[in-house]
PDB file of N, CA and C in Angstrom:
ATOM      1  N   UNK A   1      -2.189   6.140 -15.319  1.00  0.00           N
ATOM      2  CA  UNK A   1      -3.114   6.762 -14.379  1.00  0.00           C
ATOM      3  C   UNK A   1      -4.385   7.212 -15.091  1.00  0.00           C
ATOM      4  N   UNK A   2      -4.224   7.832 -16.243  1.00  0.00           N
ATOM      5  CA  UNK A   2      -5.385   8.374 -16.943  1.00  0.00           C
ATOM      6  C   UNK A   2      -6.387   7.274 -17.230  1.00  0.00           C
ATOM      7  N   UNK A   3      -5.908   6.145 -17.743  1.00  0.00           N
ATOM      8  CA  UNK A   3      -6.805   5.033 -18.051  1.00  0.00           C
ATOM      9  C   UNK A   3      -7.485   4.476 -16.812  1.00  0.00           C
ATOM     10  N   UNK A   4      -6.749   4.381 -15.733  1.00  0.00           N
ATOM     11  CA  UNK A   4      -7.311   3.844 -14.492  1.00  0.00           C
ATOM     12  C   UNK A   4      -8.394   4.768 -13.931  1.00  0.00           C
ATOM     13  N   UNK A   5      -8.106   6.045 -13.909  1.00  0.00           N
ATOM     14  CA  UNK A   5      -9.048   6.995 -13.315  1.00  0.00           C
ATOM     15  C   UNK A   5     -10.254   7.233 -14.216  1.00  0.00           C
ATOM     16  N   UNK A   6     -10.063   7.136 -15.525  1.00  0.00           N
ATOM     17  CA  UNK A   6     -11.148   7.418 -16.473  1.00  0.00           C
ATOM     18  C   UNK A   6     -12.376   6.544 -16.236  1.00  0.00           C
ATOM     19  N   UNK A   7     -12.170   5.284 -15.886  1.00  0.00           N
ATOM     20  CA  UNK A   7     -13.332   4.406 -15.688  1.00  0.00           C
ATOM     21  C   UNK A   7     -13.428   3.871 -14.257  1.00  0.00           C
ATOM     22  N   UNK A   8     -12.788   4.576 -13.331  1.00  0.00           N
ATOM     23  CA  UNK A   8     -12.805   4.170 -11.932  1.00  0.00           C
ATOM     24  C   UNK A   8     -14.173   4.450 -11.299  1.00  0.00           C
ATOM     25  N   UNK A   9     -14.628   3.551 -10.475  1.00  0.00           N
ATOM     26  CA  UNK A   9     -15.850   3.749  -9.704  1.00  0.00           C
ATOM     27  C   UNK A   9     -15.466   3.782  -8.230  1.00  0.00           C
ATOM     28  N   UNK A  10     -15.887   4.828  -7.538  1.00  0.00           N
ATOM     29  CA  UNK A  10     -15.571   4.980  -6.120  1.00  0.00           C
ATOM     30  C   UNK A  10     -16.684   4.337  -5.297  1.00  0.00           C
ATOM     31  N   UNK A  11     -16.305   3.472  -4.378  1.00  0.00           N
ATOM     32  CA  UNK A  11     -17.264   2.835  -3.483  1.00  0.00           C
ATOM     33  C   UNK A  11     -17.230   3.619  -2.163  1.00  0.00           C
ATOM     34  N   UNK A  12     -18.048   4.654  -2.105  1.00  0.00           N
ATOM     35  CA  UNK A  12     -18.023   5.558  -0.954  1.00  0.00           C
ATOM     36  C   UNK A  12     -18.340   4.837   0.349  1.00  0.00           C
ATOM     37  N   UNK A  13     -19.277   3.913   0.319  1.00  0.00           N
ATOM     38  CA  UNK A  13     -19.645   3.183   1.539  1.00  0.00           C
ATOM     39  C   UNK A  13     -18.456   2.379   2.070  1.00  0.00           C
ATOM     40  N   UNK A  14     -17.717   1.737   1.176  1.00  0.00           N
ATOM     41  CA  UNK A  14     -16.549   0.950   1.594  1.00  0.00           C
ATOM     42  C   UNK A  14     -15.453   1.863   2.142  1.00  0.00           C
ATOM     43  N   UNK A  15     -15.248   3.009   1.504  1.00  0.00           N
ATOM     44  CA  UNK A  15     -14.242   3.962   1.989  1.00  0.00           C
ATOM     45  C   UNK A  15     -14.594   4.469   3.377  1.00  0.00           C
ATOM     46  N   UNK A  16     -15.870   4.825   3.571  1.00  0.00           N
ATOM     47  CA  UNK A  16     -16.328   5.328   4.867  1.00  0.00           C
ATOM     48  C   UNK A  16     -16.182   4.263   5.950  1.00  0.00           C
ATOM     49  N   UNK A  17     -16.579   3.038   5.643  1.00  0.00           N
ATOM     50  CA  UNK A  17     -16.482   1.948   6.618  1.00  0.00           C
ATOM     51  C   UNK A  17     -15.027   1.681   6.989  1.00  0.00           C
ATOM     52  N   UNK A  18     -14.159   1.722   6.018  1.00  0.00           N
ATOM     53  CA  UNK A  18     -12.736   1.488   6.272  1.00  0.00           C
ATOM     54  C   UNK A  18     -12.151   2.591   7.150  1.00  0.00           C
ATOM     55  N   UNK A  19     -12.493   3.831   6.863  1.00  0.00           N
ATOM     56  CA  UNK A  19     -11.985   4.952   7.661  1.00  0.00           C
ATOM     57  C   UNK A  19     -12.513   4.900   9.095  1.00  0.00           C
ATOM     58  N   UNK A  20     -13.772   4.563   9.264  1.00  0.00           N
ATOM     59  CA  UNK A  20     -14.381   4.525  10.592  1.00  0.00           C
ATOM     60  C   UNK A  20     -13.840   3.366  11.430  1.00  0.00           C
ATOM     61  N   UNK A  21     -13.461   2.291  10.777  1.00  0.00           N
ATOM     62  CA  UNK A  21     -13.021   1.091  11.498  1.00  0.00           C
ATOM     63  C   UNK A  21     -11.677   1.280  12.201  1.00  0.00           C
ATOM     64  N   UNK A  22     -10.901   2.248  11.778  1.00  0.00           N
ATOM     65  CA  UNK A  22      -9.563   2.394  12.322  1.00  0.00           C
ATOM     66  C   UNK A  22      -9.424   3.378  13.460  1.00  0.00           C
ATOM     67  N   UNK A  23     -10.519   3.849  14.023  1.00  0.00           N
ATOM     68  CA  UNK A  23     -10.480   4.814  15.129  1.00  0.00           C
ATOM     69  C   UNK A  23      -9.699   6.072  14.744  1.00  0.00           C
ATOM     70  N   UNK A  24      -9.914   6.494  13.502  1.00  0.00           N
ATOM     71  CA  UNK A  24      -9.162   7.619  12.960  1.00  0.00           C
ATOM     72  C   UNK A  24      -9.421   8.924  13.706  1.00  0.00           C
ATOM     73  N   UNK A  25     -10.554   9.050  14.366  1.00  0.00           N
ATOM     74  CA  UNK A  25     -10.861  10.299  15.074  1.00  0.00           C
ATOM     75  C   UNK A  25     -10.290  10.341  16.492  1.00  0.00           C
ATOM     76  N   UNK A  26      -9.533   9.337  16.863  1.00  0.00           N
ATOM     77  CA  UNK A  26      -8.919   9.336  18.202  1.00  0.00           C
ATOM     78  C   UNK A  26      -8.006  10.548  18.377  1.00  0.00           C
ATOM     79  N   UNK A  27      -7.268  10.896  17.349  1.00  0.00           N
ATOM     80  CA  UNK A  27      -6.398  12.068  17.426  1.00  0.00           C
ATOM     81  C   UNK A  27      -7.217  13.330  17.655  1.00  0.00           C
ATOM     82  N   UNK A  28      -8.376  13.396  16.982  1.00  0.00           N
ATOM     83  CA  UNK A  28      -9.237  14.572  17.126  1.00  0.00           C
ATOM     84  C   UNK A  28      -9.709  14.747  18.567  1.00  0.00           C
ATOM     85  N   UNK A  29     -10.088  13.642  19.209  1.00  0.00           N
ATOM     86  CA  UNK A  29     -10.605  13.763  20.574  1.00  0.00           C
ATOM     87  C   UNK A  29      -9.471  14.145  21.534  1.00  0.00           C
ATOM     88  N   UNK A  30      -8.283  13.618  21.313  1.00  0.00           N
ATOM     89  CA  UNK A  30      -7.152  13.992  22.175  1.00  0.00           C
ATOM     90  C   UNK A  30      -6.844  15.482  22.026  1.00  0.00           C
ATOM     91  N   UNK A  31      -6.799  15.951  20.799  1.00  0.00           N
ATOM     92  CA  UNK A  31      -6.538  17.376  20.566  1.00  0.00           C
ATOM     93  C   UNK A  31      -7.643  18.242  21.162  1.00  0.00           C
ATOM     94  N   UNK A  32      -8.887  17.799  21.039  1.00  0.00           N
ATOM     95  CA  UNK A  32     -10.027  18.547  21.592  1.00  0.00           C
ATOM     96  C   UNK A  32      -9.929  18.625  23.116  1.00  0.00           C
ATOM     97  N   UNK A  33      -9.548  17.532  23.750  1.00  0.00           N
ATOM     98  CA  UNK A  33      -9.411  17.533  25.209  1.00  0.00           C
ATOM     99  C   UNK A  33      -8.372  18.553  25.667  1.00  0.00           C
ATOM    100  N   UNK A  34      -7.320  18.696  24.896  1.00  0.00           N
ATOM    101  CA  UNK A  34      -6.292  19.687  25.220  1.00  0.00           C
ATOM    102  C   UNK A  34      -6.844  21.095  25.021  1.00  0.00           C
ATOM    103  N   UNK A  35      -7.423  21.351  23.837  1.00  0.00           N
ATOM    104  CA  UNK A  35      -7.909  22.702  23.511  1.00  0.00           C
ATOM    105  C   UNK A  35      -9.120  23.119  24.333  1.00  0.00           C
ATOM    106  N   UNK A  36     -10.147  22.281  24.349  1.00  0.00           N
ATOM    107  CA  UNK A  36     -11.429  22.672  24.948  1.00  0.00           C
ATOM    108  C   UNK A  36     -11.493  22.455  26.457  1.00  0.00           C
ATOM    109  N   UNK A  37     -10.801  21.455  26.943  1.00  0.00           N
ATOM    110  CA  UNK A  37     -10.912  21.113  28.358  1.00  0.00           C
ATOM    111  C   UNK A  37      -9.644  21.398  29.155  1.00  0.00           C
ATOM    112  N   UNK A  38      -8.586  21.809  28.455  1.00  0.00           N
ATOM    113  CA  UNK A  38      -7.355  22.209  29.142  1.00  0.00           C
ATOM    114  C   UNK A  38      -6.535  21.070  29.718  1.00  0.00           C
ATOM    115  N   UNK A  39      -6.747  19.857  29.266  1.00  0.00           N
ATOM    116  CA  UNK A  39      -5.962  18.732  29.773  1.00  0.00           C
ATOM    117  C   UNK A  39      -4.552  18.783  29.201  1.00  0.00           C
ATOM    118  N   UNK A  40      -3.579  18.384  29.976  1.00  0.00           N
ATOM    119  CA  UNK A  40      -2.240  18.204  29.410  1.00  0.00           C
ATOM    120  C   UNK A  40      -2.327  17.074  28.371  1.00  0.00           C
ATOM    121  N   UNK A  41      -1.512  17.136  27.316  1.00  0.00           N
ATOM    122  CA  UNK A  41      -1.645  16.139  26.252  1.00  0.00           C
ATOM    123  C   UNK A  41      -1.472  14.719  26.781  1.00  0.00           C
ATOM    124  N   UNK A  42      -0.574  14.529  27.714  1.00  0.00           N
ATOM    125  CA  UNK A  42      -0.355  13.180  28.263  1.00  0.00           C
ATOM    126  C   UNK A  42      -1.659  12.615  28.848  1.00  0.00           C
ATOM    127  N   UNK A  43      -2.375  13.436  29.597  1.00  0.00           N
ATOM    128  CA  UNK A  43      -3.648  12.999  30.182  1.00  0.00           C
ATOM    129  C   UNK A  43      -4.698  12.796  29.093  1.00  0.00           C
ATOM    130  N   UNK A  44      -4.744  13.705  28.116  1.00  0.00           N
ATOM    131  CA  UNK A  44      -5.698  13.585  27.012  1.00  0.00           C
ATOM    132  C   UNK A  44      -5.459  12.288  26.236  1.00  0.00           C
ATOM    133  N   UNK A  45      -4.205  11.951  26.052  1.00  0.00           N
ATOM    134  CA  UNK A  45      -3.845  10.709  25.359  1.00  0.00           C
ATOM    135  C   UNK A  45      -4.342   9.500  26.146  1.00  0.00           C
ATOM    136  N   UNK A  46      -4.213   9.558  27.443  1.00  0.00           N
ATOM    137  CA  UNK A  46      -4.675   8.478  28.322  1.00  0.00           C
ATOM    138  C   UNK A  46      -6.199   8.309  28.231  1.00  0.00           C
ATOM    139  N   UNK A  47      -6.920   9.424  28.321  1.00  0.00           N
ATOM    140  CA  UNK A  47      -8.392   9.398  28.224  1.00  0.00           C
ATOM    141  C   UNK A  47      -8.797   8.848  26.859  1.00  0.00           C
ATOM    142  N   UNK A  48      -8.124   9.301  25.814  1.00  0.00           N
ATOM    143  CA  UNK A  48      -8.440   8.841  24.463  1.00  0.00           C
ATOM    144  C   UNK A  48      -8.217   7.339  24.334  1.00  0.00           C
ATOM    145  N   UNK A  49      -7.173   6.840  24.917  1.00  0.00           N
ATOM    146  CA  UNK A  49      -6.921   5.400  24.897  1.00  0.00           C
ATOM    147  C   UNK A  49      -8.046   4.617  25.537  1.00  0.00           C
ATOM    148  N   UNK A  50      -8.600   5.155  26.611  1.00  0.00           N
ATOM    149  CA  UNK A  50      -9.722   4.481  27.279  1.00  0.00           C
ATOM    150  C   UNK A  50     -10.978   4.525  26.409  1.00  0.00           C
ATOM    151  N   UNK A  51     -11.168   5.620  25.677  1.00  0.00           N
ATOM    152  CA  UNK A  51     -12.315   5.717  24.758  1.00  0.00           C
ATOM    153  C   UNK A  51     -12.181   4.669  23.655  1.00  0.00           C
ATOM    154  N   UNK A  52     -11.004   4.560  23.090  1.00  0.00           N
ATOM    155  CA  UNK A  52     -10.766   3.574  22.030  1.00  0.00           C
ATOM    156  C   UNK A  52     -10.962   2.159  22.567  1.00  0.00           C
ATOM    157  N   UNK A  53     -10.458   1.908  23.763  1.00  0.00           N
ATOM    158  CA  UNK A  53     -10.615   0.574  24.367  1.00  0.00           C
ATOM    159  C   UNK A  53     -12.100   0.228  24.535  1.00  0.00           C
ATOM    160  N   UNK A  54     -12.893   1.206  24.965  1.00  0.00           N
ATOM    161  CA  UNK A  54     -14.336   0.972  25.128  1.00  0.00           C
ATOM    162  C   UNK A  54     -14.975   0.618  23.789  1.00  0.00           C
ATOM    163  N   UNK A  55     -14.631   1.365  22.747  1.00  0.00           N
ATOM    164  CA  UNK A  55     -15.183   1.073  21.425  1.00  0.00           C
ATOM    165  C   UNK A  55     -14.749  -0.319  20.949  1.00  0.00           C
ATOM    166  N   UNK A  56     -13.503  -0.667  21.198  1.00  0.00           N
ATOM    167  CA  UNK A  56     -13.035  -2.005  20.821  1.00  0.00           C
ATOM    168  C   UNK A  56     -13.818  -3.084  21.553  1.00  0.00           C
ATOM    169  N   UNK A  57     -14.010  -2.895  22.857  1.00  0.00           N
ATOM    170  CA  UNK A  57     -14.749  -3.880  23.647  1.00  0.00           C
ATOM    171  C   UNK A  57     -16.180  -4.034  23.153  1.00  0.00           C
ATOM    172  N   UNK A  58     -16.780  -2.943  22.755  1.00  0.00           N
ATOM    173  CA  UNK A  58     -18.172  -2.972  22.271  1.00  0.00           C
ATOM    174  C   UNK A  58     -18.273  -3.288  20.783  1.00  0.00           C
ATOM    175  N   UNK A  59     -17.108  -3.372  20.144  1.00  0.00           N
ATOM    176  CA  UNK A  59     -17.057  -3.644  18.706  1.00  0.00           C
ATOM    177  C   UNK A  59     -17.880  -2.631  17.915  1.00  0.00           C
ATOM    178  N   UNK A  60     -17.611  -1.368  18.215  1.00  0.00           N
ATOM    179  CA  UNK A  60     -18.306  -0.279  17.528  1.00  0.00           C
ATOM    180  C   UNK A  60     -17.294   0.789  17.131  1.00  0.00           C
ATOM    181  N   UNK A  61     -17.749   1.741  16.365  1.00  0.00           N
ATOM    182  CA  UNK A  61     -16.884   2.862  16.008  1.00  0.00           C
ATOM    183  C   UNK A  61     -16.926   3.889  17.131  1.00  0.00           C
ATOM    184  N   UNK A  62     -15.986   4.809  17.122  1.00  0.00           N
ATOM    185  CA  UNK A  62     -16.000   5.892  18.113  1.00  0.00           C
ATOM    186  C   UNK A  62     -17.269   6.731  17.952  1.00  0.00           C
ATOM    187  N   UNK A  63     -17.695   6.907  16.731  1.00  0.00           N
ATOM    188  CA  UNK A  63     -18.877   7.712  16.437  1.00  0.00           C
ATOM    189  C   UNK A  63     -20.163   7.093  17.011  1.00  0.00           C
ATOM    190  N   UNK A  64     -20.146   5.798  17.236  1.00  0.00           N
ATOM    191  CA  UNK A  64     -21.331   5.113  17.759  1.00  0.00           C
ATOM    192  C   UNK A  64     -21.437   5.186  19.281  1.00  0.00           C
ATOM    193  N   UNK A  65     -20.413   5.668  19.953  1.00  0.00           N
ATOM    194  CA  UNK A  65     -20.484   5.819  21.404  1.00  0.00           C
ATOM    195  C   UNK A  65     -21.429   6.966  21.755  1.00  0.00           C
ATOM    196  N   UNK A  66     -22.048   6.873  22.909  1.00  0.00           N
ATOM    197  CA  UNK A  66     -22.971   7.911  23.360  1.00  0.00           C
ATOM    198  C   UNK A  66     -22.270   8.812  24.374  1.00  0.00           C
ATOM    199  N   UNK A  67     -22.892   9.923  24.672  1.00  0.00           N
ATOM    200  CA  UNK A  67     -22.328  10.822  25.688  1.00  0.00           C
ATOM    201  C   UNK A  67     -22.273  10.112  27.038  1.00  0.00           C
ATOM    202  N   UNK A  68     -23.253   9.272  27.334  1.00  0.00           N
ATOM    203  CA  UNK A  68     -23.222   8.511  28.589  1.00  0.00           C
ATOM    204  C   UNK A  68     -22.037   7.543  28.615  1.00  0.00           C
ATOM    205  N   UNK A  69     -21.744   6.925  27.467  1.00  0.00           N
ATOM    206  CA  UNK A  69     -20.570   6.054  27.379  1.00  0.00           C
ATOM    207  C   UNK A  69     -19.306   6.848  27.705  1.00  0.00           C
ATOM    208  N   UNK A  70     -19.195   8.018  27.090  1.00  0.00           N
ATOM    209  CA  UNK A  70     -18.006   8.848  27.288  1.00  0.00           C
ATOM    210  C   UNK A  70     -17.868   9.304  28.736  1.00  0.00           C
ATOM    211  N   UNK A  71     -18.990   9.633  29.367  1.00  0.00           N
ATOM    212  CA  UNK A  71     -18.950  10.105  30.756  1.00  0.00           C
ATOM    213  C   UNK A  71     -18.495   9.011  31.724  1.00  0.00           C
ATOM    214  N   UNK A  72     -18.663   7.743  31.348  1.00  0.00           N
ATOM    215  CA  UNK A  72     -18.157   6.664  32.213  1.00  0.00           C
ATOM    216  C   UNK A  72     -16.629   6.661  32.221  1.00  0.00           C
ATOM    217  N   UNK A  73     -16.034   7.247  31.214  1.00  0.00           N
ATOM    218  CA  UNK A  73     -14.580   7.319  31.112  1.00  0.00           C
ATOM    219  C   UNK A  73     -14.046   8.563  31.804  1.00  0.00           C
ATOM    220  N   UNK A  74     -14.712   9.698  31.546  1.00  0.00           N
ATOM    221  CA  UNK A  74     -14.271  10.962  32.127  1.00  0.00           C
ATOM    222  C   UNK A  74     -15.448  11.929  32.133  1.00  0.00           C
ATOM    223  N   UNK A  75     -15.756  12.478  33.289  1.00  0.00           N
ATOM    224  CA  UNK A  75     -16.914  13.371  33.441  1.00  0.00           C
ATOM    225  C   UNK A  75     -16.811  14.643  32.603  1.00  0.00           C
ATOM    226  N   UNK A  76     -15.606  15.007  32.192  1.00  0.00           N
ATOM    227  CA  UNK A  76     -15.426  16.219  31.383  1.00  0.00           C
ATOM    228  C   UNK A  76     -15.870  16.035  29.935  1.00  0.00           C
ATOM    229  N   UNK A  77     -16.069  14.795  29.529  1.00  0.00           N
ATOM    230  CA  UNK A  77     -16.535  14.523  28.169  1.00  0.00           C
ATOM    231  C   UNK A  77     -18.026  14.836  28.093  1.00  0.00           C
ATOM    232  N   UNK A  78     -18.416  15.611  27.088  1.00  0.00           N
ATOM    233  CA  UNK A  78     -19.811  16.041  26.948  1.00  0.00           C
ATOM    234  C   UNK A  78     -20.266  15.911  25.503  1.00  0.00           C
ATOM    235  N   UNK A  79     -21.425  16.485  25.200  1.00  0.00           N
ATOM    236  CA  UNK A  79     -21.982  16.385  23.837  1.00  0.00           C
ATOM    237  C   UNK A  79     -21.027  16.922  22.776  1.00  0.00           C
ATOM    238  N   UNK A  80     -20.278  17.950  23.109  1.00  0.00           N
ATOM    239  CA  UNK A  80     -19.324  18.511  22.142  1.00  0.00           C
ATOM    240  C   UNK A  80     -18.285  17.460  21.743  1.00  0.00           C
ATOM    241  N   UNK A  81     -17.961  16.555  22.655  1.00  0.00           N
ATOM    242  CA  UNK A  81     -17.005  15.493  22.337  1.00  0.00           C
ATOM    243  C   UNK A  81     -17.553  14.577  21.248  1.00  0.00           C
ATOM    244  N   UNK A  82     -18.853  14.351  21.252  1.00  0.00           N
ATOM    245  CA  UNK A  82     -19.458  13.512  20.214  1.00  0.00           C
ATOM    246  C   UNK A  82     -19.250  14.113  18.836  1.00  0.00           C
ATOM    247  N   UNK A  83     -19.352  15.435  18.747  1.00  0.00           N
ATOM    248  CA  UNK A  83     -19.149  16.100  17.459  1.00  0.00           C
ATOM    249  C   UNK A  83     -17.725  15.890  16.966  1.00  0.00           C
ATOM    250  N   UNK A  84     -16.779  15.887  17.866  1.00  0.00           N
ATOM    251  CA  UNK A  84     -15.380  15.693  17.516  1.00  0.00           C
ATOM    252  C   UNK A  84     -15.160  14.289  16.969  1.00  0.00           C
ATOM    253  N   UNK A  85     -15.937  13.331  17.436  1.00  0.00           N
ATOM    254  CA  UNK A  85     -15.775  11.936  17.013  1.00  0.00           C
ATOM    255  C   UNK A  85     -16.392  11.650  15.646  1.00  0.00           C
ATOM    256  N   UNK A  86     -17.044  12.625  15.053  1.00  0.00           N
ATOM    257  CA  UNK A  86     -17.657  12.462  13.742  1.00  0.00           C
ATOM    258  C   UNK A  86     -16.587  12.364  12.656  1.00  0.00           C
ATOM    259  N   UNK A  87     -16.656  11.329  11.852  1.00  0.00           N
ATOM    260  CA  UNK A  87     -15.707  11.142  10.763  1.00  0.00           C
ATOM    261  C   UNK A  87     -15.789  12.305   9.769  1.00  0.00           C
ATOM    262  N   UNK A  88     -16.997  12.735   9.433  1.00  0.00           N
ATOM    263  CA  UNK A  88     -17.153  13.848   8.492  1.00  0.00           C
ATOM    264  C   UNK A  88     -16.509  15.121   9.023  1.00  0.00           C
ATOM    265  N   UNK A  89     -16.704  15.406  10.290  1.00  0.00           N
ATOM    266  CA  UNK A  89     -16.087  16.607  10.878  1.00  0.00           C
ATOM    267  C   UNK A  89     -14.575  16.491  10.907  1.00  0.00           C
ATOM    268  N   UNK A  90     -14.085  15.301  11.185  1.00  0.00           N
ATOM    269  CA  UNK A  90     -12.644  15.091  11.211  1.00  0.00           C
ATOM    270  C   UNK A  90     -12.033  15.370   9.840  1.00  0.00           C
ATOM    271  N   UNK A  91     -12.623  14.809   8.818  1.00  0.00           N
ATOM    272  CA  UNK A  91     -12.125  15.015   7.456  1.00  0.00           C
ATOM    273  C   UNK A  91     -12.187  16.495   7.097  1.00  0.00           C
ATOM    274  N   UNK A  92     -13.306  17.142   7.400  1.00  0.00           N
ATOM    275  CA  UNK A  92     -13.496  18.546   7.051  1.00  0.00           C
ATOM    276  C   UNK A  92     -12.563  19.481   7.815  1.00  0.00           C
ATOM    277  N   UNK A  93     -12.098  19.044   8.972  1.00  0.00           N
ATOM    278  CA  UNK A  93     -11.258  19.919   9.796  1.00  0.00           C
ATOM    279  C   UNK A  93      -9.821  20.026   9.292  1.00  0.00           C
ATOM    280  N   UNK A  94      -9.415  19.158   8.399  1.00  0.00           N
ATOM    281  CA  UNK A  94      -8.038  19.159   7.890  1.00  0.00           C
ATOM    282  C   UNK A  94      -7.931  20.124   6.714  1.00  0.00           C
ATOM    283  N   UNK A  95      -7.801  21.411   7.040  1.00  0.00           N
ATOM    284  CA  UNK A  95      -7.864  22.456   6.022  1.00  0.00           C
ATOM    285  C   UNK A  95      -6.502  22.953   5.555  1.00  0.00           C
ATOM    286  N   UNK A  96      -5.424  22.443   6.115  1.00  0.00           N
ATOM    287  CA  UNK A  96      -4.098  22.894   5.682  1.00  0.00           C
ATOM    288  C   UNK A  96      -3.763  22.291   4.317  1.00  0.00           C
ATOM    289  N   UNK A  97      -2.714  22.800   3.693  1.00  0.00           N
ATOM    290  CA  UNK A  97      -2.291  22.322   2.381  1.00  0.00           C
ATOM    291  C   UNK A  97      -2.133  20.802   2.410  1.00  0.00           C
ATOM    292  N   UNK A  98      -2.773  20.129   1.454  1.00  0.00           N
ATOM    293  CA  UNK A  98      -2.703  18.679   1.386  1.00  0.00           C
ATOM    294  C   UNK A  98      -3.671  17.963   2.311  1.00  0.00           C
ATOM    295  N   UNK A  99      -4.497  18.732   3.007  1.00  0.00           N
ATOM    296  CA  UNK A  99      -5.442  18.145   3.960  1.00  0.00           C
ATOM    297  C   UNK A  99      -6.615  17.464   3.284  1.00  0.00           C
ATOM    298  N   UNK A 100      -7.444  16.831   4.096  1.00  0.00           N
ATOM    299  CA  UNK A 100      -8.577  16.052   3.593  1.00  0.00           C
ATOM    300  C   UNK A 100      -9.875  16.841   3.470  1.00  0.00           C
ATOM    301  N   UNK A 101      -9.883  18.090   3.884  1.00  0.00           N
ATOM    302  CA  UNK A 101     -11.099  18.900   3.760  1.00  0.00           C
ATOM    303  C   UNK A 101     -11.498  18.963   2.284  1.00  0.00           C
ATOM    304  N   UNK A 102     -12.794  18.899   1.997  1.00  0.00           N
ATOM    305  CA  UNK A 102     -13.240  18.888   0.596  1.00  0.00           C
ATOM    306  C   UNK A 102     -12.639  19.995  -0.266  1.00  0.00           C
ATOM    307  N   UNK A 103     -12.524  21.192   0.249  1.00  0.00           N
ATOM    308  CA  UNK A 103     -11.947  22.286  -0.543  1.00  0.00           C
ATOM    309  C   UNK A 103     -10.487  21.987  -0.889  1.00  0.00           C
ATOM    310  N   UNK A 104      -9.741  21.409   0.030  1.00  0.00           N
ATOM    311  CA  UNK A 104      -8.348  21.066  -0.235  1.00  0.00           C
ATOM    312  C   UNK A 104      -8.231  19.943  -1.266  1.00  0.00           C
ATOM    313  N   UNK A 105      -9.118  18.975  -1.177  1.00  0.00           N
ATOM    314  CA  UNK A 105      -9.100  17.860  -2.132  1.00  0.00           C
ATOM    315  C   UNK A 105      -9.442  18.372  -3.533  1.00  0.00           C
ATOM    316  N   UNK A 106     -10.455  19.244  -3.628  1.00  0.00           N
ATOM    317  CA  UNK A 106     -10.801  19.825  -4.937  1.00  0.00           C
ATOM    318  C   UNK A 106      -9.623  20.622  -5.498  1.00  0.00           C
ATOM    319  N   UNK A 107      -8.969  21.401  -4.655  1.00  0.00           N
ATOM    320  CA  UNK A 107      -7.809  22.187  -5.073  1.00  0.00           C
ATOM    321  C   UNK A 107      -6.704  21.259  -5.601  1.00  0.00           C
ATOM    322  N   UNK A 108      -6.435  20.182  -4.908  1.00  0.00           N
ATOM    323  CA  UNK A 108      -5.396  19.238  -5.326  1.00  0.00           C
ATOM    324  C   UNK A 108      -5.789  18.541  -6.631  1.00  0.00           C
ATOM    325  N   UNK A 109      -7.071  18.201  -6.774  1.00  0.00           N
ATOM    326  CA  UNK A 109      -7.537  17.551  -8.006  1.00  0.00           C
ATOM    327  C   UNK A 109      -7.379  18.489  -9.205  1.00  0.00           C
ATOM    328  N   UNK A 110      -7.698  19.762  -9.023  1.00  0.00           N
ATOM    329  CA  UNK A 110      -7.532  20.744 -10.101  1.00  0.00           C
ATOM    330  C   UNK A 110      -6.064  20.860 -10.493  1.00  0.00           C
ATOM    331  N   UNK A 111      -5.204  20.917  -9.504  1.00  0.00           N
ATOM    332  CA  UNK A 111      -3.767  21.020  -9.776  1.00  0.00           C
ATOM    333  C   UNK A 111      -3.270  19.776 -10.507  1.00  0.00           C
ATOM    334  N   UNK A 112      -3.756  18.613 -10.122  1.00  0.00           N
ATOM    335  CA  UNK A 112      -3.347  17.366 -10.773  1.00  0.00           C
ATOM    336  C   UNK A 112      -3.827  17.333 -12.218  1.00  0.00           C
ATOM    337  N   UNK A 113      -5.045  17.797 -12.464  1.00  0.00           N
ATOM    338  CA  UNK A 113      -5.550  17.842 -13.839  1.00  0.00           C
ATOM    339  C   UNK A 113      -4.667  18.734 -14.711  1.00  0.00           C
ATOM    340  N   UNK A 114      -4.319  19.892 -14.164  1.00  0.00           N
ATOM    341  CA  UNK A 114      -3.457  20.812 -14.922  1.00  0.00           C
ATOM    342  C   UNK A 114      -2.088  20.182 -15.180  1.00  0.00           C
ATOM    343  N   UNK A 115      -1.542  19.586 -14.142  1.00  0.00           N
ATOM    344  CA  UNK A 115      -0.190  19.040 -14.258  1.00  0.00           C
ATOM    345  C   UNK A 115      -0.112  17.823 -15.163  1.00  0.00           C
ATOM    346  N   UNK A 116      -1.035  16.871 -14.982  1.00  0.00           N
ATOM    347  CA  UNK A 116      -0.939  15.618 -15.695  1.00  0.00           C
ATOM    348  C   UNK A 116      -1.698  15.580 -17.010  1.00  0.00           C
ATOM    349  N   UNK A 117      -2.754  16.355 -17.095  1.00  0.00           N
ATOM    350  CA  UNK A 117      -3.574  16.298 -18.302  1.00  0.00           C
ATOM    351  C   UNK A 117      -3.472  17.574 -19.131  1.00  0.00           C
ATOM    352  N   UNK A 118      -2.840  18.582 -18.577  1.00  0.00           N
ATOM    353  CA  UNK A 118      -2.731  19.849 -19.286  1.00  0.00           C
ATOM    354  C   UNK A 118      -4.087  20.503 -19.504  1.00  0.00           C
ATOM    355  N   UNK A 119      -5.032  20.179 -18.616  1.00  0.00           N
ATOM    356  CA  UNK A 119      -6.393  20.697 -18.759  1.00  0.00           C
ATOM    357  C   UNK A 119      -6.693  21.722 -17.683  1.00  0.00           C
ATOM    358  N   UNK A 120      -7.569  22.604 -18.048  1.00  0.00           N
ATOM    359  CA  UNK A 120      -8.132  23.521 -17.044  1.00  0.00           C
ATOM    360  C   UNK A 120      -9.318  22.803 -16.439  1.00  0.00           C
ATOM    361  N   UNK A 121      -9.478  22.888 -15.133  1.00  0.00           N
ATOM    362  CA  UNK A 121     -10.590  22.185 -14.464  1.00  0.00           C
ATOM    363  C   UNK A 121     -11.953  22.738 -14.831  1.00  0.00           C
TER     364      UNK A 121
END
């Protein structure tokens, strides 16, 4: 691992494109519909499926949809829904232990350095 990571180059653009291509924020929009709009999860899941289908048909990411696009699916979807579809916001929102939020990733990296390299970060 040490040798691999020592000279590793991260291709951030490729990572971002890969994450965006998989409709990873679909879970975020379903959860938001439950919390912010009071939909039962079953209905939120249904609405989210229609959002994903629209993005698939248009061959775009969820983040590329507009508020007008979303309103064609459900009138309760508004500008706040667009924020939920942001990949950066999705990553940052995972703040629990082991989550993807930058602070959690830094914490895990420090712990890994201590454990595997015996180094202080």
